[in-house]
């Protein structure tokens, strides 16, 4: 096993790539009763067009397959449901699908190895029939309709529509009622056999474990599989412009909700070594522009234009990157103008050194706090590994983020021509 560590926060992670290609990351946390495991595959809603590794056949799949597959994995041939089996052991189990990965997880204090038996059994033994796939279409169809009525989700999807023209991030993770109607057991097996190959998967375990013992237990439960070549994913060409600057819809909300977004048009694939440093700089900038201690936030809150501190996010992968500032306001346009004005002032005059240093320390504190929770650690290591990032680098590269570098990122990313506003207003 390879050992990586952060001397700054005195944390270690053990990484081993097994013979079948599966990457296992073990983060020991002594003196904790909780144990957390997450097993993810690099297959998300973006991956709707790819080449089969062994045959080179080009495959187009309906929107929503990754999410549909996640739902179906729990159903076993003997009629049991693995989620129920885990819950009966007193284990808190779940699964989720994102744009770039699907993950199966559980947290427990007892019965970890019985849980591991069940997790590694159901993830390695799919069972799809015409009948159980048809039944699931009705269940997921209801879920899709529920999201159609969810103002927060519509707000986010409209923001994606403003920023991207053809990028599959615009597609709802669950697909549409029409797209899932085309899903068959054959489609699911084809995607399972391609993307659920161990070489495309990462397992992260966090808790009070002896890494050598745990890795042996995992190896005992692994199903042998032939190696397969690289999966070639096919995505639309990168877009440099936004699709539209503004979109609004009317829904049942108590007061309007908004997302002010910036599309980051830099090619992250070509600048991978800079991505962590850039991410830290953007988090600092977002907190300076609209964080709780920022002047613009305090003014807008006192005037009643902002009802609470907005959520501040930077989402990125090789295929997309954008900043989202989301919240609740009776006057979303005023919030957008305030952000524009603040960015312009910082670009012209530079960042205030004291404010910058204060926020930088806060961001570091936020990173350190994440290491208090076994669940936060495991999810972070999985998500970062899918993006080919070492999670410890956020701690290690923190000092490299200077005020001058952050000012450069401000000019490169917070461009007015790449700014959008998505609004859900009251009916």
Protein backbone atom coordinates (compact mmCIF):
# COMPACT_ATOMS: atom_id res chain seq x y z
CA UNK A 1 0.00 0.00 0.00
CA UNK A 2 1.10 3.52 -0.77
CA UNK A 3 0.98 5.97 2.13
CA UNK A 4 0.08 9.62 1.59
CA UNK A 5 -0.15 12.05 4.47
CA UNK A 6 -0.72 15.62 5.48
CA UNK A 7 1.80 16.65 8.10
CA UNK A 8 -0.10 19.92 8.63
CA UNK A 9 -3.18 18.19 10.02
CA UNK A 10 -1.53 14.86 10.96
CA UNK A 11 -3.80 12.71 8.79
CA UNK A 12 -2.84 9.66 6.69
CA UNK A 13 -4.39 7.71 3.85
CA UNK A 14 -3.36 4.29 2.54
CA UNK A 15 -3.95 3.62 -1.15
CA UNK A 16 -3.74 0.30 -2.95
CA UNK A 17 -4.64 -0.59 -6.52
CA UNK A 18 -5.81 -4.21 -6.50
CA UNK A 19 -4.98 -6.73 -9.24
CA UNK A 20 -8.36 -6.22 -10.90
CA UNK A 21 -7.78 -2.44 -11.09
CA UNK A 22 -9.95 -1.35 -8.11
CA UNK A 23 -8.46 1.58 -6.16
CA UNK A 24 -8.96 1.26 -2.39
CA UNK A 25 -8.30 4.25 -0.10
CA UNK A 26 -8.27 3.68 3.68
CA UNK A 27 -8.23 6.71 6.00
CA UNK A 28 -7.68 5.46 9.57
CA UNK A 29 -9.37 7.49 12.33
CA UNK A 30 -8.41 6.15 15.72
CA UNK A 31 -10.68 6.42 18.75
CA UNK A 32 -13.84 6.84 16.71
CA UNK A 33 -16.75 4.41 16.94
CA UNK A 34 -18.21 5.29 13.54
CA UNK A 35 -17.17 3.48 10.36
CA UNK A 36 -17.98 4.73 6.88
CA UNK A 37 -17.50 3.08 3.49
CA UNK A 38 -18.32 4.46 0.05
CA UNK A 39 -17.85 2.59 -3.23
CA UNK A 40 -18.09 4.72 -6.33
CA UNK A 41 -17.90 4.28 -10.06
CA UNK A 42 -16.83 6.98 -12.50
CA UNK A 43 -20.22 6.92 -14.25
CA UNK A 44 -22.59 9.85 -13.97
CA UNK A 45 -25.31 11.64 -15.89
CA UNK A 46 -22.77 13.22 -18.28
CA UNK A 47 -21.72 9.81 -19.65
CA UNK A 48 -24.42 9.23 -22.23
CA UNK A 49 -22.13 8.56 -25.21
CA UNK A 50 -19.05 6.33 -25.15
CA UNK A 51 -17.05 3.62 -26.93
CA UNK A 52 -17.21 0.05 -25.59
CA UNK A 53 -13.67 -0.74 -24.37
CA UNK A 54 -13.38 -4.21 -25.92
CA UNK A 55 -15.31 -3.83 -29.17
CA UNK A 56 -14.84 -0.13 -29.96
CA UNK A 57 -18.62 0.07 -30.62
CA UNK A 58 -20.02 3.57 -30.15
CA UNK A 59 -22.96 3.58 -27.74
CA UNK A 60 -25.61 6.27 -27.16
CA UNK A 61 -27.70 5.68 -24.05
CA UNK A 62 -30.95 7.36 -22.94
CA UNK A 63 -30.66 10.21 -20.42
CA UNK A 64 -30.95 9.04 -16.82
CA UNK A 65 -29.32 5.58 -17.11
CA UNK A 66 -26.66 6.11 -14.40
CA UNK A 67 -29.37 7.12 -11.89
CA UNK A 68 -31.71 4.30 -13.01
CA UNK A 69 -28.90 1.77 -12.58
CA UNK A 70 -28.22 3.08 -9.06
CA UNK A 71 -31.88 2.42 -8.14
CA UNK A 72 -31.84 -1.11 -9.59
CA UNK A 73 -28.61 -2.31 -7.96
CA UNK A 74 -30.26 -3.05 -4.58
CA UNK A 75 -32.74 -5.59 -5.97
CA UNK A 76 -31.52 -9.19 -5.63
CA UNK A 77 -32.43 -12.31 -7.58
CA UNK A 78 -33.77 -14.01 -4.42
CA UNK A 79 -36.37 -11.24 -4.04
CA UNK A 80 -34.63 -9.34 -1.24
CA UNK A 81 -33.59 -5.70 -1.30
CA UNK A 82 -30.03 -5.01 -0.06
CA UNK A 83 -31.04 -1.64 1.38
CA UNK A 84 -33.55 -3.43 3.66
CA UNK A 85 -30.96 -6.08 4.58
CA UNK A 86 -28.48 -3.38 5.65
CA UNK A 87 -31.08 -1.38 7.55
CA UNK A 88 -32.11 -4.55 9.46
CA UNK A 89 -28.51 -4.77 10.72
CA UNK A 90 -28.81 -1.26 12.14
CA UNK A 91 -26.64 0.09 9.31
CA UNK A 92 -27.44 3.45 7.71
CA UNK A 93 -27.09 2.78 3.97
CA UNK A 94 -27.71 4.90 0.90
CA UNK A 95 -26.65 5.63 -2.70
CA UNK A 96 -26.55 8.67 -4.98
CA UNK A 97 -25.78 9.72 -8.54
CA UNK A 98 -24.02 12.93 -9.62
CA UNK A 99 -22.85 14.36 -12.93
CA UNK A 100 -19.62 12.33 -12.83
CA UNK A 101 -20.06 9.40 -10.44
CA UNK A 102 -22.45 6.97 -8.76
CA UNK A 103 -21.81 5.87 -5.17
CA UNK A 104 -23.04 3.21 -2.74
CA UNK A 105 -22.33 3.76 0.93
CA UNK A 106 -23.07 2.92 4.52
CA UNK A 107 -22.22 4.18 7.99
CA UNK A 108 -22.30 2.07 11.17
CA UNK A 109 -20.83 1.52 14.60
CA UNK A 110 -21.41 -2.28 14.65
CA UNK A 111 -21.74 -5.08 12.07
CA UNK A 112 -19.27 -3.48 9.65
CA UNK A 113 -18.10 -6.74 8.08
CA UNK A 114 -21.66 -8.07 7.64
CA UNK A 115 -22.40 -4.73 5.93
CA UNK A 116 -19.29 -5.14 3.77
CA UNK A 117 -20.53 -8.63 2.74
CA UNK A 118 -23.84 -7.18 1.58
CA UNK A 119 -22.37 -4.07 -0.11
CA UNK A 120 -19.78 -6.04 -2.06
CA UNK A 121 -22.36 -8.68 -2.96
CA UNK A 122 -25.02 -6.39 -4.43
CA UNK A 123 -22.61 -4.02 -6.22
CA UNK A 124 -20.92 -7.00 -7.93
CA UNK A 125 -24.10 -8.97 -8.79
CA UNK A 126 -26.66 -6.93 -10.75
CA UNK A 127 -30.07 -8.44 -11.47
CA UNK A 128 -32.20 -6.84 -14.20
CA UNK A 129 -35.33 -8.31 -15.81
CA UNK A 130 -37.95 -6.85 -18.15
CA UNK A 131 -40.42 -6.95 -15.28
CA UNK A 132 -38.31 -5.23 -12.58
CA UNK A 133 -37.07 -2.59 -15.06
CA UNK A 134 -40.64 -1.74 -16.12
CA UNK A 135 -41.72 -1.47 -12.48
CA UNK A 136 -38.84 0.92 -11.72
CA UNK A 137 -39.86 3.24 -14.59
CA UNK A 138 -43.05 4.09 -12.70
CA UNK A 139 -41.15 4.80 -9.46
CA UNK A 140 -38.49 6.97 -11.14
CA UNK A 141 -41.17 8.67 -13.27
CA UNK A 142 -42.80 9.84 -10.02
CA UNK A 143 -39.41 11.07 -8.75
CA UNK A 144 -38.87 13.06 -11.96
CA UNK A 145 -42.30 14.72 -11.64
CA UNK A 146 -41.47 15.56 -8.02
CA UNK A 147 -38.27 17.32 -9.13
CA UNK A 148 -40.22 19.14 -11.86
CA UNK A 149 -42.26 20.68 -9.01
CA UNK A 150 -39.20 21.47 -6.86
CA UNK A 151 -38.37 25.21 -7.13
CA UNK A 152 -34.75 24.76 -5.98
CA UNK A 153 -34.07 22.08 -8.59
CA UNK A 154 -35.73 24.08 -11.39
CA UNK A 155 -33.68 27.12 -10.36
CA UNK A 156 -30.45 25.07 -10.68
CA UNK A 157 -31.43 23.43 -14.01
CA UNK A 158 -32.34 26.85 -15.46
CA UNK A 159 -28.93 28.19 -14.35
CA UNK A 160 -27.29 25.30 -16.25
CA UNK A 161 -29.45 26.13 -19.28
CA UNK A 162 -28.28 29.75 -19.10
CA UNK A 163 -24.62 28.73 -18.99
CA UNK A 164 -24.46 25.79 -21.41
CA UNK A 165 -25.91 25.15 -24.84
CA UNK A 166 -25.10 21.47 -25.52
CA UNK A 167 -23.16 20.29 -22.47
CA UNK A 168 -24.90 17.24 -20.89
CA UNK A 169 -24.77 18.94 -17.47
CA UNK A 170 -28.02 20.57 -18.69
CA UNK A 171 -29.68 17.15 -18.54
CA UNK A 172 -31.56 16.24 -15.39
CA UNK A 173 -29.62 13.48 -13.55
CA UNK A 174 -32.78 11.34 -13.46
CA UNK A 175 -33.51 11.96 -17.18
CA UNK A 176 -37.06 12.54 -18.37
CA UNK A 177 -40.15 10.31 -18.33
CA UNK A 178 -39.65 9.91 -22.12
CA UNK A 179 -35.93 9.06 -21.92
CA UNK A 180 -36.27 6.44 -19.17
CA UNK A 181 -39.05 4.73 -21.16
CA UNK A 182 -36.28 3.59 -23.55
CA UNK A 183 -34.21 1.87 -20.83
CA UNK A 184 -34.06 -1.95 -21.10
CA UNK A 185 -32.20 -4.67 -19.14
CA UNK A 186 -29.79 -4.88 -22.10
CA UNK A 187 -28.93 -1.15 -21.80
CA UNK A 188 -28.38 -1.53 -18.04
CA UNK A 189 -26.14 -4.61 -18.39
CA UNK A 190 -24.13 -2.90 -21.14
CA UNK A 191 -23.51 0.14 -18.90
CA UNK A 192 -22.90 -2.01 -15.83
CA UNK A 193 -20.33 -4.21 -17.60
CA UNK A 194 -18.54 -1.12 -18.96
CA UNK A 195 -18.59 1.33 -16.06
CA UNK A 196 -18.80 -1.00 -13.03
CA UNK A 197 -15.53 -2.65 -13.95
CA UNK A 198 -13.17 -2.46 -10.91
CA UNK A 199 -10.64 -0.42 -12.92
CA UNK A 200 -13.27 2.35 -13.19
CA UNK A 201 -14.16 2.24 -9.47
CA UNK A 202 -12.84 3.65 -6.18
CA UNK A 203 -13.60 2.42 -2.65
CA UNK A 204 -12.92 4.67 0.35
CA UNK A 205 -13.16 3.45 3.96
CA UNK A 206 -12.78 5.68 7.02
CA UNK A 207 -12.79 4.64 10.68
CA UNK A 208 -10.73 2.89 13.34
CA UNK A 209 -9.18 0.22 11.08
CA UNK A 210 -5.84 -1.54 10.68
CA UNK A 211 -5.33 -0.89 6.93
CA UNK A 212 -3.52 -4.21 6.21
CA UNK A 213 -6.30 -6.26 7.83
CA UNK A 214 -9.08 -4.33 6.10
CA UNK A 215 -7.51 -4.63 2.64
CA UNK A 216 -7.33 -8.43 3.08
CA UNK A 217 -11.04 -8.52 3.99
CA UNK A 218 -11.88 -6.50 0.87
CA UNK A 219 -9.76 -8.79 -1.35
CA UNK A 220 -11.64 -11.87 -0.01
CA UNK A 221 -14.93 -10.42 -1.27
CA UNK A 222 -13.76 -9.28 -4.71
CA UNK A 223 -15.19 -11.01 -7.78
CA UNK A 224 -12.46 -11.69 -10.37
CA UNK A 225 -12.92 -9.87 -13.66
CA UNK A 226 -10.93 -9.78 -16.89
CA UNK A 227 -9.17 -6.49 -17.50
CA UNK A 228 -10.73 -4.12 -20.00
CA UNK A 229 -9.27 -1.21 -21.93
CA UNK A 230 -9.93 2.45 -21.30
CA UNK A 231 -13.50 3.72 -21.64
CA UNK A 232 -13.55 6.48 -24.25
CA UNK A 233 -16.23 8.99 -23.27
CA UNK A 234 -17.54 11.31 -25.99
CA UNK A 235 -18.69 14.81 -24.99
CA UNK A 236 -19.78 17.82 -27.07
CA UNK A 237 -17.10 20.37 -27.94
CA UNK A 238 -16.28 22.94 -25.27
CA UNK A 239 -18.36 26.14 -25.46
CA UNK A 240 -16.71 29.44 -24.67
CA UNK A 241 -19.85 31.59 -24.42
CA UNK A 242 -22.89 31.42 -22.18
CA UNK A 243 -26.17 30.26 -23.72
CA UNK A 244 -28.36 33.11 -22.36
CA UNK A 245 -27.89 35.70 -19.60
CA UNK A 246 -31.30 35.36 -17.89
CA UNK A 247 -34.09 32.89 -17.27
CA UNK A 248 -37.07 33.09 -14.94
CA UNK A 249 -40.05 30.90 -14.13
CA UNK A 250 -43.04 31.30 -11.83
CA UNK A 251 -43.63 28.67 -9.13
CA UNK A 252 -45.17 28.31 -5.69
CA UNK A 253 -42.50 30.02 -3.54
CA UNK A 254 -42.90 32.29 -0.50
CA UNK A 255 -40.43 34.80 -1.96
CA UNK A 256 -38.23 34.74 -5.10
CA UNK A 257 -35.10 32.57 -5.17
CA UNK A 258 -32.11 33.24 -7.40
CA UNK A 259 -28.78 31.96 -8.71
CA UNK A 260 -26.17 34.42 -9.91
CA UNK A 261 -23.65 32.36 -11.86
CA UNK A 262 -20.34 32.76 -13.66
CA UNK A 263 -19.30 30.26 -16.31
CA UNK A 264 -15.59 29.42 -16.02
CA UNK A 265 -14.41 28.91 -19.60
CA UNK A 266 -10.82 27.84 -18.84
CA UNK A 267 -9.88 24.32 -20.03
CA UNK A 268 -9.33 22.58 -16.69
CA UNK A 269 -8.02 19.42 -18.40
CA UNK A 270 -5.05 21.38 -19.73
CA UNK A 271 -4.45 23.22 -16.42
CA UNK A 272 -4.99 20.33 -14.03
CA UNK A 273 -1.96 21.15 -11.84
CA UNK A 274 -3.52 24.55 -11.04
CA UNK A 275 -7.03 23.37 -10.20
CA UNK A 276 -6.68 23.08 -6.41
CA UNK A 277 -4.94 26.42 -6.06
CA UNK A 278 -7.62 27.97 -8.26
CA UNK A 279 -10.45 26.35 -6.28
CA UNK A 280 -9.06 27.77 -3.00
CA UNK A 281 -8.73 31.25 -4.57
CA UNK A 282 -12.35 31.13 -5.81
CA UNK A 283 -13.61 30.10 -2.36
CA UNK A 284 -11.76 33.07 -0.86
CA UNK A 285 -13.20 35.43 -3.50
CA UNK A 286 -16.77 34.19 -3.00
CA UNK A 287 -16.50 34.78 0.74
CA UNK A 288 -15.04 38.27 0.18
CA UNK A 289 -17.78 39.16 -2.32
CA UNK A 290 -20.86 37.69 -0.61
CA UNK A 291 -19.79 35.86 2.58
CA UNK A 292 -21.24 36.58 6.01
CA UNK A 293 -18.49 39.05 6.96
CA UNK A 294 -18.51 40.87 3.60
CA UNK A 295 -19.73 44.46 3.34
CA UNK A 296 -22.04 43.78 0.33
CA UNK A 297 -23.82 40.98 2.21
CA UNK A 298 -24.24 43.08 5.36
CA UNK A 299 -25.67 46.01 3.38
CA UNK A 300 -28.12 43.79 1.48
CA UNK A 301 -29.17 41.97 4.65
CA UNK A 302 -29.76 45.19 6.59
CA UNK A 303 -31.81 46.68 3.74
CA UNK A 304 -33.94 43.49 3.65
CA UNK A 305 -32.86 42.61 0.09
CA UNK A 306 -31.22 39.37 1.26
CA UNK A 307 -33.08 37.17 3.73
CA UNK A 308 -30.06 35.00 4.67
CA UNK A 309 -26.48 34.43 3.61
CA UNK A 310 -26.38 32.99 0.07
CA UNK A 311 -24.87 29.57 -0.68
CA UNK A 312 -21.50 29.90 -2.42
CA UNK A 313 -20.31 27.09 -4.72
CA UNK A 314 -17.70 26.31 -7.35
CA UNK A 315 -18.58 23.16 -9.31
CA UNK A 316 -16.07 21.74 -11.78
CA UNK A 317 -14.91 18.72 -13.75
CA UNK A 318 -12.95 18.29 -16.99
CA UNK A 319 -16.17 19.03 -18.89
CA UNK A 320 -17.65 22.04 -17.06
CA UNK A 321 -16.87 24.65 -14.42
CA UNK A 322 -19.04 27.38 -12.91
CA UNK A 323 -19.61 29.53 -9.86
CA UNK A 324 -23.04 29.67 -8.19
CA UNK A 325 -24.25 32.25 -5.67
CA UNK A 326 -27.76 31.25 -4.61
CA UNK A 327 -30.25 32.66 -2.16
CA UNK A 328 -33.62 34.30 -1.50
CA UNK A 329 -34.44 37.90 -2.33
CA UNK A 330 -37.43 40.07 -3.27
CA UNK A 331 -35.11 41.77 -5.76
CA UNK A 332 -32.69 39.28 -7.40
CA UNK A 333 -31.60 41.88 -10.00
CA UNK A 334 -30.36 44.11 -7.20
CA UNK A 335 -28.21 41.25 -5.84
CA UNK A 336 -26.73 40.67 -9.28
CA UNK A 337 -25.92 44.38 -9.65
CA UNK A 338 -24.29 44.46 -6.21
CA UNK A 339 -22.09 41.47 -7.12
CA UNK A 340 -21.13 43.14 -10.44
CA UNK A 341 -20.28 46.36 -8.66
CA UNK A 342 -18.19 44.58 -5.98
CA UNK A 343 -16.24 42.54 -8.55
CA UNK A 344 -15.56 45.70 -10.59
CA UNK A 345 -14.30 47.52 -7.49
CA UNK A 346 -11.96 44.63 -6.57
CA UNK A 347 -10.66 44.39 -10.15
CA UNK A 348 -9.90 48.13 -10.26
CA UNK A 349 -8.55 48.61 -6.71
CA UNK A 350 -7.27 45.15 -5.75
CA UNK A 351 -8.33 43.08 -2.73
CA UNK A 352 -8.09 44.44 0.79
CA UNK A 353 -5.12 42.64 2.39
CA UNK A 354 -6.57 42.30 5.91
CA UNK A 355 -9.91 41.02 4.62
CA UNK A 356 -8.13 38.60 2.26
CA UNK A 357 -5.96 37.15 5.06
CA UNK A 358 -8.93 36.82 7.40
CA UNK A 359 -11.02 34.95 4.85
CA UNK A 360 -8.05 32.79 3.83
CA UNK A 361 -7.70 31.62 7.46
CA UNK A 362 -11.45 30.90 7.62
CA UNK A 363 -11.23 28.72 4.48
CA UNK A 364 -8.33 26.76 5.98
CA UNK A 365 -10.40 26.23 9.13
CA UNK A 366 -13.29 24.91 7.00
CA UNK A 367 -10.96 22.36 5.36
CA UNK A 368 -9.62 21.18 8.71
CA UNK A 369 -13.13 20.77 10.19
CA UNK A 370 -14.03 18.34 7.36
CA UNK A 371 -11.56 15.87 8.87
CA UNK A 372 -13.72 15.58 12.02
CA UNK A 373 -16.36 13.46 10.28
CA UNK A 374 -15.72 9.98 8.83
CA UNK A 375 -18.52 10.56 6.30
CA UNK A 376 -17.17 13.93 5.12
CA UNK A 377 -13.68 12.44 4.75
CA UNK A 378 -14.82 9.41 2.74
CA UNK A 379 -17.12 11.35 0.40
CA UNK A 380 -14.42 14.01 -0.15
CA UNK A 381 -11.72 11.45 -1.01
CA UNK A 382 -14.05 9.67 -3.45
CA UNK A 383 -15.24 12.82 -5.21
CA UNK A 384 -11.68 14.19 -5.47
CA UNK A 385 -10.23 10.85 -6.68
CA UNK A 386 -12.82 10.74 -9.50
CA UNK A 387 -11.46 14.19 -10.49
CA UNK A 388 -7.87 12.83 -10.14
CA UNK A 389 -7.19 15.07 -7.13
CA UNK A 390 -5.42 14.18 -3.86
CA UNK A 391 -7.68 15.61 -1.11
CA UNK A 392 -4.70 16.46 1.12
CA UNK A 393 -3.49 18.92 -1.54
CA UNK A 394 -6.14 21.42 -0.42
CA UNK A 395 -4.29 21.64 2.90
CA UNK A 396 -0.80 21.45 1.39
CA UNK A 397 -1.34 24.07 -1.35
CA UNK A 398 -3.20 26.54 0.83
CA UNK A 399 -0.08 28.65 1.51
CA UNK A 400 0.64 29.00 -2.21
CA UNK A 401 -2.54 31.03 -2.74
CA UNK A 402 -1.39 34.65 -2.58
CA UNK A 403 -3.43 37.85 -2.81
CA UNK A 404 -1.83 38.56 -6.24
CA UNK A 405 -2.74 35.10 -7.56
CA UNK A 406 -6.32 35.48 -6.26
CA UNK A 407 -6.64 38.89 -7.98
CA UNK A 408 -5.60 37.23 -11.25
CA UNK A 409 -8.27 34.52 -10.81
CA UNK A 410 -10.84 37.27 -10.14
CA UNK A 411 -10.02 38.89 -13.49
CA UNK A 412 -9.97 35.56 -15.39
CA UNK A 413 -13.16 34.02 -14.00
CA UNK A 414 -15.54 36.72 -12.73
CA UNK A 415 -16.22 38.18 -16.18
CA UNK A 416 -19.42 40.10 -16.78
CA UNK A 417 -19.95 38.52 -20.21
CA UNK A 418 -19.98 35.06 -18.53
CA UNK A 419 -22.48 36.07 -15.85
CA UNK A 420 -26.03 34.66 -15.69
CA UNK A 421 -29.11 35.11 -13.49
CA UNK A 422 -31.70 32.37 -12.90
CA UNK A 423 -34.84 33.33 -10.95
CA UNK A 424 -37.88 31.47 -9.62
CA UNK A 425 -40.46 34.11 -8.74
CA UNK A 426 -43.79 33.88 -6.91
CA UNK A 427 -46.89 32.87 -8.84
